[in-house]
Amino acid sequence: MQTSSPSGTARVRIDQTERLALKRRSLYARREPFTLWHNATGIIDAQRVLTALDRSGAQHVKLILEVIPPFQQDDGAVVSDLRESCKYWRAALAAHARG
């Protein structure tokens, strides 16, 4: 978490990461989108992230979606993945707000 903002707002970069990529610690580990497929193999769970942020005591938090697609990926697929990722986080934030 980065909190160097003069406004006191914490900026948290989020991306999906596969368990295997963490074991390899490879330079080829990508920052994946939050799609159904990547969420099934990834280790980042929105509710756990949001709960941890609650427990941190941070008053103002900006979640920054940090997805870096392969350069050869089709532009339409990149946009589709970003839309699905935003939908995933919107739903997670709404569910978290409801308690």
PDB file of N, CA and C in Angstrom:
ATOM      1  N   MET A   1       0.857  -1.161   0.000  1.00  0.00           N
ATOM      2  CA  MET A   1       0.000   0.000   0.000  1.00  0.00           C
ATOM      3  C   MET A   1       0.904   1.224   0.000  1.00  0.00           C
ATOM      4  N   GLN A   2       0.564   2.198  -0.790  1.00  0.00           N
ATOM      5  CA  GLN A   2       1.339   3.421  -0.877  1.00  0.00           C
ATOM      6  C   GLN A   2       0.537   4.546  -0.225  1.00  0.00           C
ATOM      7  N   THR A   3       1.136   5.243   0.748  1.00  0.00           N
ATOM      8  CA  THR A   3       0.403   6.290   1.456  1.00  0.00           C
ATOM      9  C   THR A   3       1.137   7.623   1.414  1.00  0.00           C
ATOM     10  N   SER A   4       1.940   7.844   0.400  1.00  0.00           N
ATOM     11  CA  SER A   4       2.746   9.059   0.354  1.00  0.00           C
ATOM     12  C   SER A   4       1.970  10.272  -0.153  1.00  0.00           C
ATOM     13  N   SER A   5       0.709  10.113  -0.426  1.00  0.00           N
ATOM     14  CA  SER A   5      -0.100  11.218  -0.921  1.00  0.00           C
ATOM     15  C   SER A   5      -0.248  12.291   0.153  1.00  0.00           C
ATOM     16  N   PRO A   6      -0.057  13.562  -0.215  1.00  0.00           N
ATOM     17  CA  PRO A   6      -0.220  14.629   0.771  1.00  0.00           C
ATOM     18  C   PRO A   6      -1.639  14.703   1.335  1.00  0.00           C
ATOM     19  N   SER A   7      -2.595  14.167   0.592  1.00  0.00           N
ATOM     20  CA  SER A   7      -3.980  14.210   1.072  1.00  0.00           C
ATOM     21  C   SER A   7      -4.263  13.124   2.103  1.00  0.00           C
ATOM     22  N   GLY A   8      -3.309  12.220   2.321  1.00  0.00           N
ATOM     23  CA  GLY A   8      -3.523  11.123   3.260  1.00  0.00           C
ATOM     24  C   GLY A   8      -4.314   9.977   2.667  1.00  0.00           C
ATOM     25  N   THR A   9      -4.503   9.989   1.367  1.00  0.00           N
ATOM     26  CA  THR A   9      -5.236   8.919   0.691  1.00  0.00           C
ATOM     27  C   THR A   9      -4.283   7.779   0.361  1.00  0.00           C
ATOM     28  N   ALA A  10      -4.663   6.578   0.747  1.00  0.00           N
ATOM     29  CA  ALA A  10      -3.866   5.398   0.416  1.00  0.00           C
ATOM     30  C   ALA A  10      -4.204   4.969  -1.004  1.00  0.00           C
ATOM     31  N   ARG A  11      -3.186   4.696  -1.795  1.00  0.00           N
ATOM     32  CA  ARG A  11      -3.385   4.194  -3.154  1.00  0.00           C
ATOM     33  C   ARG A  11      -2.944   2.730  -3.175  1.00  0.00           C
ATOM     34  N   VAL A  12      -3.858   1.854  -3.570  1.00  0.00           N
ATOM     35  CA  VAL A  12      -3.580   0.420  -3.574  1.00  0.00           C
ATOM     36  C   VAL A  12      -3.697  -0.089  -4.998  1.00  0.00           C
ATOM     37  N   ARG A  13      -2.595  -0.597  -5.522  1.00  0.00           N
ATOM     38  CA  ARG A  13      -2.607  -1.181  -6.867  1.00  0.00           C
ATOM     39  C   ARG A  13      -3.064  -2.629  -6.757  1.00  0.00           C
ATOM     40  N   ILE A  14      -4.008  -3.010  -7.610  1.00  0.00           N
ATOM     41  CA  ILE A  14      -4.533  -4.369  -7.556  1.00  0.00           C
ATOM     42  C   ILE A  14      -4.416  -5.032  -8.917  1.00  0.00           C
ATOM     43  N   ASP A  15      -3.984  -6.273  -8.891  1.00  0.00           N
ATOM     44  CA  ASP A  15      -3.949  -7.102 -10.095  1.00  0.00           C
ATOM     45  C   ASP A  15      -4.082  -8.550  -9.658  1.00  0.00           C
ATOM     46  N   GLN A  16      -4.545  -9.397 -10.543  1.00  0.00           N
ATOM     47  CA  GLN A  16      -4.670 -10.812 -10.234  1.00  0.00           C
ATOM     48  C   GLN A  16      -3.330 -11.487 -10.488  1.00  0.00           C
ATOM     49  N   THR A  17      -2.956 -12.407  -9.638  1.00  0.00           N
ATOM     50  CA  THR A  17      -1.687 -13.107  -9.740  1.00  0.00           C
ATOM     51  C   THR A  17      -1.927 -14.594  -9.555  1.00  0.00           C
ATOM     52  N   GLU A  18      -1.316 -15.380 -10.419  1.00  0.00           N
ATOM     53  CA  GLU A  18      -1.460 -16.833 -10.304  1.00  0.00           C
ATOM     54  C   GLU A  18      -0.512 -17.379  -9.246  1.00  0.00           C
ATOM     55  N   ARG A  19      -0.969 -18.384  -8.541  1.00  0.00           N
ATOM     56  CA  ARG A  19      -0.154 -19.026  -7.510  1.00  0.00           C
ATOM     57  C   ARG A  19       1.180 -19.530  -8.089  1.00  0.00           C
ATOM     58  N   LEU A  20       1.144 -20.115  -9.270  1.00  0.00           N
ATOM     59  CA  LEU A  20       2.354 -20.653  -9.892  1.00  0.00           C
ATOM     60  C   LEU A  20       3.355 -19.545 -10.193  1.00  0.00           C
ATOM     61  N   ALA A  21       2.882 -18.388 -10.616  1.00  0.00           N
ATOM     62  CA  ALA A  21       3.777 -17.272 -10.912  1.00  0.00           C
ATOM     63  C   ALA A  21       4.524 -16.828  -9.659  1.00  0.00           C
ATOM     64  N   LEU A  22       3.855 -16.879  -8.516  1.00  0.00           N
ATOM     65  CA  LEU A  22       4.520 -16.496  -7.270  1.00  0.00           C
ATOM     66  C   LEU A  22       5.604 -17.495  -6.901  1.00  0.00           C
ATOM     67  N   LYS A  23       5.354 -18.769  -7.152  1.00  0.00           N
ATOM     68  CA  LYS A  23       6.357 -19.786  -6.839  1.00  0.00           C
ATOM     69  C   LYS A  23       7.595 -19.622  -7.716  1.00  0.00           C
ATOM     70  N   ARG A  24       7.392 -19.275  -8.980  1.00  0.00           N
ATOM     71  CA  ARG A  24       8.512 -19.111  -9.908  1.00  0.00           C
ATOM     72  C   ARG A  24       9.233 -17.795  -9.693  1.00  0.00           C
ATOM     73  N   ARG A  25       8.494 -16.778  -9.240  1.00  0.00           N
ATOM     74  CA  ARG A  25       9.003 -15.403  -9.137  1.00  0.00           C
ATOM     75  C   ARG A  25       9.684 -15.029 -10.442  1.00  0.00           C
ATOM     76  N   SER A  26       9.015 -15.352 -11.483  1.00  0.00           N
ATOM     77  CA  SER A  26       9.520 -15.169 -12.830  1.00  0.00           C
ATOM     78  C   SER A  26       9.345 -13.733 -13.295  1.00  0.00           C
ATOM     79  N   LEU A  27      10.246 -13.308 -14.169  1.00  0.00           N
ATOM     80  CA  LEU A  27      10.101 -12.005 -14.811  1.00  0.00           C
ATOM     81  C   LEU A  27       8.900 -11.997 -15.736  1.00  0.00           C
ATOM     82  N   TYR A  28       8.415 -13.192 -16.073  1.00  0.00           N
ATOM     83  CA  TYR A  28       7.296 -13.307 -16.993  1.00  0.00           C
ATOM     84  C   TYR A  28       5.939 -13.325 -16.282  1.00  0.00           C
ATOM     85  N   ALA A  29       5.943 -13.200 -14.973  1.00  0.00           N
ATOM     86  CA  ALA A  29       4.679 -13.155 -14.237  1.00  0.00           C
ATOM     87  C   ALA A  29       3.960 -11.863 -14.620  1.00  0.00           C
ATOM     88  N   ARG A  30       2.751 -12.006 -15.124  1.00  0.00           N
ATOM     89  CA  ARG A  30       2.004 -10.832 -15.579  1.00  0.00           C
ATOM     90  C   ARG A  30       1.022 -10.364 -14.513  1.00  0.00           C
ATOM     91  N   ARG A  31       0.600  -9.160 -14.678  1.00  0.00           N
ATOM     92  CA  ARG A  31      -0.465  -8.608 -13.837  1.00  0.00           C
ATOM     93  C   ARG A  31      -1.762  -8.863 -14.589  1.00  0.00           C
ATOM     94  N   GLU A  32      -2.484  -9.868 -14.129  1.00  0.00           N
ATOM     95  CA  GLU A  32      -3.642 -10.362 -14.860  1.00  0.00           C
ATOM     96  C   GLU A  32      -4.919  -9.600 -14.493  1.00  0.00           C
ATOM     97  N   PRO A  33      -5.912  -9.658 -15.374  1.00  0.00           N
ATOM     98  CA  PRO A  33      -7.208  -9.036 -15.078  1.00  0.00           C
ATOM     99  C   PRO A  33      -8.014  -9.914 -14.120  1.00  0.00           C
ATOM    100  N   PHE A  34      -9.073  -9.348 -13.586  1.00  0.00           N
ATOM    101  CA  PHE A  34      -9.971 -10.078 -12.690  1.00  0.00           C
ATOM    102  C   PHE A  34     -11.126 -10.652 -13.496  1.00  0.00           C
ATOM    103  N   THR A  35     -10.804 -11.626 -14.338  1.00  0.00           N
ATOM    104  CA  THR A  35     -11.824 -12.310 -15.127  1.00  0.00           C
ATOM    105  C   THR A  35     -12.171 -13.620 -14.432  1.00  0.00           C
ATOM    106  N   LEU A  36     -13.267 -14.222 -14.832  1.00  0.00           N
ATOM    107  CA  LEU A  36     -13.677 -15.491 -14.238  1.00  0.00           C
ATOM    108  C   LEU A  36     -12.544 -16.511 -14.296  1.00  0.00           C
ATOM    109  N   TRP A  37     -11.890 -16.609 -15.448  1.00  0.00           N
ATOM    110  CA  TRP A  37     -10.815 -17.592 -15.621  1.00  0.00           C
ATOM    111  C   TRP A  37      -9.626 -17.273 -14.721  1.00  0.00           C
ATOM    112  N   HIS A  38      -9.171 -16.031 -14.710  1.00  0.00           N
ATOM    113  CA  HIS A  38      -8.011 -15.666 -13.890  1.00  0.00           C
ATOM    114  C   HIS A  38      -8.337 -15.707 -12.401  1.00  0.00           C
ATOM    115  N   ASN A  39      -9.558 -15.393 -12.035  1.00  0.00           N
ATOM    116  CA  ASN A  39      -9.934 -15.474 -10.627  1.00  0.00           C
ATOM    117  C   ASN A  39      -9.935 -16.912 -10.129  1.00  0.00           C
ATOM    118  N   ALA A  40     -10.244 -17.857 -11.010  1.00  0.00           N
ATOM    119  CA  ALA A  40     -10.254 -19.277 -10.623  1.00  0.00           C
ATOM    120  C   ALA A  40      -8.848 -19.781 -10.319  1.00  0.00           C
ATOM    121  N   THR A  41      -7.842 -19.228 -10.991  1.00  0.00           N
ATOM    122  CA  THR A  41      -6.462 -19.682 -10.792  1.00  0.00           C
ATOM    123  C   THR A  41      -5.637 -18.700  -9.971  1.00  0.00           C
ATOM    124  N   GLY A  42      -6.191 -17.539  -9.686  1.00  0.00           N
ATOM    125  CA  GLY A  42      -5.443 -16.499  -8.984  1.00  0.00           C
ATOM    126  C   GLY A  42      -5.576 -16.575  -7.477  1.00  0.00           C
ATOM    127  N   ILE A  43      -4.788 -15.767  -6.805  1.00  0.00           N
ATOM    128  CA  ILE A  43      -4.759 -15.786  -5.339  1.00  0.00           C
ATOM    129  C   ILE A  43      -5.389 -14.545  -4.710  1.00  0.00           C
ATOM    130  N   ILE A  44      -5.754 -13.558  -5.514  1.00  0.00           N
ATOM    131  CA  ILE A  44      -6.303 -12.321  -4.976  1.00  0.00           C
ATOM    132  C   ILE A  44      -7.822 -12.427  -4.899  1.00  0.00           C
ATOM    133  N   ASP A  45      -8.357 -12.226  -3.707  1.00  0.00           N
ATOM    134  CA  ASP A  45      -9.798 -12.274  -3.469  1.00  0.00           C
ATOM    135  C   ASP A  45     -10.244 -10.896  -3.003  1.00  0.00           C
ATOM    136  N   ALA A  46     -11.180 -10.302  -3.713  1.00  0.00           N
ATOM    137  CA  ALA A  46     -11.604  -8.931  -3.420  1.00  0.00           C
ATOM    138  C   ALA A  46     -12.080  -8.762  -1.981  1.00  0.00           C
ATOM    139  N   GLN A  47     -12.871  -9.685  -1.473  1.00  0.00           N
ATOM    140  CA  GLN A  47     -13.399  -9.533  -0.110  1.00  0.00           C
ATOM    141  C   GLN A  47     -12.278  -9.553   0.932  1.00  0.00           C
ATOM    142  N   ARG A  48     -11.270 -10.381   0.713  1.00  0.00           N
ATOM    143  CA  ARG A  48     -10.133 -10.406   1.649  1.00  0.00           C
ATOM    144  C   ARG A  48      -9.348  -9.103   1.586  1.00  0.00           C
ATOM    145  N   VAL A  49      -9.190  -8.544   0.380  1.00  0.00           N
ATOM    146  CA  VAL A  49      -8.499  -7.260   0.221  1.00  0.00           C
ATOM    147  C   VAL A  49      -9.272  -6.158   0.946  1.00  0.00           C
ATOM    148  N   LEU A  50     -10.585  -6.113   0.722  1.00  0.00           N
ATOM    149  CA  LEU A  50     -11.402  -5.065   1.333  1.00  0.00           C
ATOM    150  C   LEU A  50     -11.449  -5.192   2.852  1.00  0.00           C
ATOM    151  N   THR A  51     -11.498  -6.407   3.364  1.00  0.00           N
ATOM    152  CA  THR A  51     -11.470  -6.626   4.809  1.00  0.00           C
ATOM    153  C   THR A  51     -10.137  -6.163   5.394  1.00  0.00           C
ATOM    154  N   ALA A  52      -9.045  -6.474   4.707  1.00  0.00           N
ATOM    155  CA  ALA A  52      -7.721  -6.036   5.173  1.00  0.00           C
ATOM    156  C   ALA A  52      -7.622  -4.512   5.181  1.00  0.00           C
ATOM    157  N   LEU A  53      -8.191  -3.879   4.169  1.00  0.00           N
ATOM    158  CA  LEU A  53      -8.178  -2.412   4.135  1.00  0.00           C
ATOM    159  C   LEU A  53      -8.990  -1.834   5.289  1.00  0.00           C
ATOM    160  N   ASP A  54     -10.129  -2.450   5.601  1.00  0.00           N
ATOM    161  CA  ASP A  54     -10.925  -2.017   6.754  1.00  0.00           C
ATOM    162  C   ASP A  54     -10.095  -2.093   8.032  1.00  0.00           C
ATOM    163  N   ARG A  55      -9.412  -3.204   8.198  1.00  0.00           N
ATOM    164  CA  ARG A  55      -8.630  -3.430   9.414  1.00  0.00           C
ATOM    165  C   ARG A  55      -7.408  -2.518   9.499  1.00  0.00           C
ATOM    166  N   SER A  56      -6.951  -2.005   8.356  1.00  0.00           N
ATOM    167  CA  SER A  56      -5.760  -1.151   8.341  1.00  0.00           C
ATOM    168  C   SER A  56      -6.021   0.211   8.964  1.00  0.00           C
ATOM    169  N   GLY A  57      -7.285   0.606   9.020  1.00  0.00           N
ATOM    170  CA  GLY A  57      -7.622   1.907   9.569  1.00  0.00           C
ATOM    171  C   GLY A  57      -7.531   3.035   8.551  1.00  0.00           C
ATOM    172  N   ALA A  58      -7.200   2.723   7.324  1.00  0.00           N
ATOM    173  CA  ALA A  58      -7.121   3.754   6.284  1.00  0.00           C
ATOM    174  C   ALA A  58      -8.493   4.393   6.093  1.00  0.00           C
ATOM    175  N   GLN A  59      -8.528   5.703   6.072  1.00  0.00           N
ATOM    176  CA  GLN A  59      -9.792   6.421   5.931  1.00  0.00           C
ATOM    177  C   GLN A  59     -10.181   6.633   4.475  1.00  0.00           C
ATOM    178  N   HIS A  60      -9.206   6.887   3.632  1.00  0.00           N
ATOM    179  CA  HIS A  60      -9.453   7.155   2.219  1.00  0.00           C
ATOM    180  C   HIS A  60      -8.543   6.233   1.405  1.00  0.00           C
ATOM    181  N   VAL A  61      -9.159   5.441   0.542  1.00  0.00           N
ATOM    182  CA  VAL A  61      -8.398   4.481  -0.250  1.00  0.00           C
ATOM    183  C   VAL A  61      -8.817   4.592  -1.709  1.00  0.00           C
ATOM    184  N   LYS A  62      -7.833   4.616  -2.592  1.00  0.00           N
ATOM    185  CA  LYS A  62      -8.091   4.543  -4.032  1.00  0.00           C
ATOM    186  C   LYS A  62      -7.549   3.210  -4.520  1.00  0.00           C
ATOM    187  N   LEU A  63      -8.428   2.393  -5.081  1.00  0.00           N
ATOM    188  CA  LEU A  63      -7.997   1.133  -5.685  1.00  0.00           C
ATOM    189  C   LEU A  63      -7.647   1.411  -7.137  1.00  0.00           C
ATOM    190  N   ILE A  64      -6.457   1.047  -7.528  1.00  0.00           N
ATOM    191  CA  ILE A  64      -5.978   1.294  -8.887  1.00  0.00           C
ATOM    192  C   ILE A  64      -5.793  -0.053  -9.567  1.00  0.00           C
ATOM    193  N   LEU A  65      -6.599  -0.301 -10.565  1.00  0.00           N
ATOM    194  CA  LEU A  65      -6.529  -1.555 -11.312  1.00  0.00           C
ATOM    195  C   LEU A  65      -5.265  -1.538 -12.170  1.00  0.00           C
ATOM    196  N   GLU A  66      -4.356  -2.459 -11.904  1.00  0.00           N
ATOM    197  CA  GLU A  66      -3.082  -2.500 -12.619  1.00  0.00           C
ATOM    198  C   GLU A  66      -2.999  -3.805 -13.416  1.00  0.00           C
ATOM    199  N   VAL A  67      -3.538  -3.760 -14.607  1.00  0.00           N
ATOM    200  CA  VAL A  67      -3.543  -4.920 -15.490  1.00  0.00           C
ATOM    201  C   VAL A  67      -2.590  -4.622 -16.642  1.00  0.00           C
ATOM    202  N   ILE A  68      -1.682  -5.540 -16.890  1.00  0.00           N
ATOM    203  CA  ILE A  68      -0.736  -5.368 -17.985  1.00  0.00           C
ATOM    204  C   ILE A  68      -0.889  -6.572 -18.921  1.00  0.00           C
ATOM    205  N   PRO A  69      -1.622  -6.399 -20.009  1.00  0.00           N
ATOM    206  CA  PRO A  69      -1.858  -7.518 -20.923  1.00  0.00           C
ATOM    207  C   PRO A  69      -0.628  -7.799 -21.783  1.00  0.00           C
ATOM    208  N   PRO A  70      -0.541  -9.015 -22.326  1.00  0.00           N
ATOM    209  CA  PRO A  70       0.539  -9.317 -23.269  1.00  0.00           C
ATOM    210  C   PRO A  70       0.425  -8.388 -24.478  1.00  0.00           C
ATOM    211  N   PHE A  71       1.558  -7.973 -25.015  1.00  0.00           N
ATOM    212  CA  PHE A  71       1.527  -7.000 -26.108  1.00  0.00           C
ATOM    213  C   PHE A  71       0.784  -7.513 -27.331  1.00  0.00           C
ATOM    214  N   GLN A  72       0.737  -8.815 -27.526  1.00  0.00           N
ATOM    215  CA  GLN A  72       0.090  -9.364 -28.711  1.00  0.00           C
ATOM    216  C   GLN A  72      -1.411  -9.619 -28.529  1.00  0.00           C
ATOM    217  N   GLN A  73      -1.934  -9.346 -27.332  1.00  0.00           N
ATOM    218  CA  GLN A  73      -3.353  -9.587 -27.084  1.00  0.00           C
ATOM    219  C   GLN A  73      -4.194  -8.605 -27.902  1.00  0.00           C
ATOM    220  N   ASP A  74      -5.267  -9.105 -28.456  1.00  0.00           N
ATOM    221  CA  ASP A  74      -6.189  -8.314 -29.259  1.00  0.00           C
ATOM    222  C   ASP A  74      -6.777  -7.170 -28.423  1.00  0.00           C
ATOM    223  N   ASP A  75      -6.853  -5.975 -28.997  1.00  0.00           N
ATOM    224  CA  ASP A  75      -7.373  -4.807 -28.274  1.00  0.00           C
ATOM    225  C   ASP A  75      -8.776  -5.041 -27.734  1.00  0.00           C
ATOM    226  N   GLY A  76      -9.623  -5.680 -28.520  1.00  0.00           N
ATOM    227  CA  GLY A  76     -10.989  -5.959 -28.069  1.00  0.00           C
ATOM    228  C   GLY A  76     -11.010  -6.856 -26.849  1.00  0.00           C
ATOM    229  N   ALA A  77     -10.104  -7.843 -26.810  1.00  0.00           N
ATOM    230  CA  ALA A  77     -10.021  -8.742 -25.660  1.00  0.00           C
ATOM    231  C   ALA A  77      -9.522  -7.993 -24.420  1.00  0.00           C
ATOM    232  N   VAL A  78      -8.587  -7.063 -24.614  1.00  0.00           N
ATOM    233  CA  VAL A  78      -8.075  -6.265 -23.492  1.00  0.00           C
ATOM    234  C   VAL A  78      -9.205  -5.433 -22.889  1.00  0.00           C
ATOM    235  N   VAL A  79      -9.972  -4.769 -23.740  1.00  0.00           N
ATOM    236  CA  VAL A  79     -11.088  -3.945 -23.260  1.00  0.00           C
ATOM    237  C   VAL A  79     -12.126  -4.813 -22.552  1.00  0.00           C
ATOM    238  N   SER A  80     -12.413  -5.972 -23.117  1.00  0.00           N
ATOM    239  CA  SER A  80     -13.377  -6.894 -22.500  1.00  0.00           C
ATOM    240  C   SER A  80     -12.894  -7.341 -21.118  1.00  0.00           C
ATOM    241  N   ASP A  81     -11.611  -7.673 -21.001  1.00  0.00           N
ATOM    242  CA  ASP A  81     -11.043  -8.081 -19.709  1.00  0.00           C
ATOM    243  C   ASP A  81     -11.117  -6.946 -18.685  1.00  0.00           C
ATOM    244  N   LEU A  82     -10.847  -5.719 -19.131  1.00  0.00           N
ATOM    245  CA  LEU A  82     -10.916  -4.575 -18.217  1.00  0.00           C
ATOM    246  C   LEU A  82     -12.343  -4.332 -17.748  1.00  0.00           C
ATOM    247  N   ARG A  83     -13.293  -4.466 -18.664  1.00  0.00           N
ATOM    248  CA  ARG A  83     -14.703  -4.301 -18.278  1.00  0.00           C
ATOM    249  C   ARG A  83     -15.111  -5.361 -17.257  1.00  0.00           C
ATOM    250  N   GLU A  84     -14.703  -6.605 -17.510  1.00  0.00           N
ATOM    251  CA  GLU A  84     -15.042  -7.689 -16.576  1.00  0.00           C
ATOM    252  C   GLU A  84     -14.377  -7.461 -15.216  1.00  0.00           C
ATOM    253  N   SER A  85     -13.154  -6.958 -15.231  1.00  0.00           N
ATOM    254  CA  SER A  85     -12.446  -6.659 -13.977  1.00  0.00           C
ATOM    255  C   SER A  85     -13.164  -5.571 -13.191  1.00  0.00           C
ATOM    256  N   CYS A  86     -13.602  -4.524 -13.883  1.00  0.00           N
ATOM    257  CA  CYS A  86     -14.342  -3.438 -13.218  1.00  0.00           C
ATOM    258  C   CYS A  86     -15.661  -3.954 -12.659  1.00  0.00           C
ATOM    259  N   LYS A  87     -16.336  -4.797 -13.407  1.00  0.00           N
ATOM    260  CA  LYS A  87     -17.602  -5.380 -12.942  1.00  0.00           C
ATOM    261  C   LYS A  87     -17.368  -6.209 -11.674  1.00  0.00           C
ATOM    262  N   TYR A  88     -16.293  -6.984 -11.654  1.00  0.00           N
ATOM    263  CA  TYR A  88     -15.938  -7.806 -10.496  1.00  0.00           C
ATOM    264  C   TYR A  88     -15.729  -6.922  -9.258  1.00  0.00           C
ATOM    265  N   TRP A  89     -14.947  -5.842  -9.399  1.00  0.00           N
ATOM    266  CA  TRP A  89     -14.661  -4.983  -8.261  1.00  0.00           C
ATOM    267  C   TRP A  89     -15.875  -4.165  -7.835  1.00  0.00           C
ATOM    268  N   ARG A  90     -16.695  -3.733  -8.795  1.00  0.00           N
ATOM    269  CA  ARG A  90     -17.930  -3.011  -8.415  1.00  0.00           C
ATOM    270  C   ARG A  90     -18.830  -3.906  -7.575  1.00  0.00           C
ATOM    271  N   ALA A  91     -18.976  -5.147  -8.000  1.00  0.00           N
ATOM    272  CA  ALA A  91     -19.816  -6.101  -7.256  1.00  0.00           C
ATOM    273  C   ALA A  91     -19.215  -6.372  -5.882  1.00  0.00           C
ATOM    274  N   ALA A  92     -17.906  -6.513  -5.811  1.00  0.00           N
ATOM    275  CA  ALA A  92     -17.251  -6.769  -4.528  1.00  0.00           C
ATOM    276  C   ALA A  92     -17.404  -5.584  -3.582  1.00  0.00           C
ATOM    277  N   LEU A  93     -17.253  -4.370  -4.095  1.00  0.00           N
ATOM    278  CA  LEU A  93     -17.402  -3.177  -3.263  1.00  0.00           C
ATOM    279  C   LEU A  93     -18.838  -3.041  -2.767  1.00  0.00           C
ATOM    280  N   ALA A  94     -19.801  -3.313  -3.636  1.00  0.00           N
ATOM    281  CA  ALA A  94     -21.216  -3.242  -3.242  1.00  0.00           C
ATOM    282  C   ALA A  94     -21.530  -4.278  -2.159  1.00  0.00           C
ATOM    283  N   ALA A  95     -21.050  -5.508  -2.352  1.00  0.00           N
ATOM    284  CA  ALA A  95     -21.297  -6.567  -1.360  1.00  0.00           C
ATOM    285  C   ALA A  95     -20.622  -6.227  -0.036  1.00  0.00           C
ATOM    286  N   HIS A  96     -19.438  -5.663  -0.094  1.00  0.00           N
ATOM    287  CA  HIS A  96     -18.705  -5.304   1.122  1.00  0.00           C
ATOM    288  C   HIS A  96     -19.424  -4.172   1.872  1.00  0.00           C
ATOM    289  N   ALA A  97     -19.959  -3.233   1.135  1.00  0.00           N
ATOM    290  CA  ALA A  97     -20.683  -2.111   1.745  1.00  0.00           C
ATOM    291  C   ALA A  97     -21.949  -2.586   2.454  1.00  0.00           C
ATOM    292  N   ARG A  98     -22.577  -3.631   1.896  1.00  0.00           N
ATOM    293  CA  ARG A  98     -23.798  -4.170   2.505  1.00  0.00           C
ATOM    294  C   ARG A  98     -23.476  -4.956   3.771  1.00  0.00           C
ATOM    295  N   GLY A  99     -22.225  -5.381   3.892  1.00  0.00           N
ATOM    296  CA  GLY A  99     -21.813  -6.109   5.087  1.00  0.00           C
ATOM    297  C   GLY A  99     -22.024  -7.537   4.939  1.00  0.00           C
TER     298      GLY A  99
END
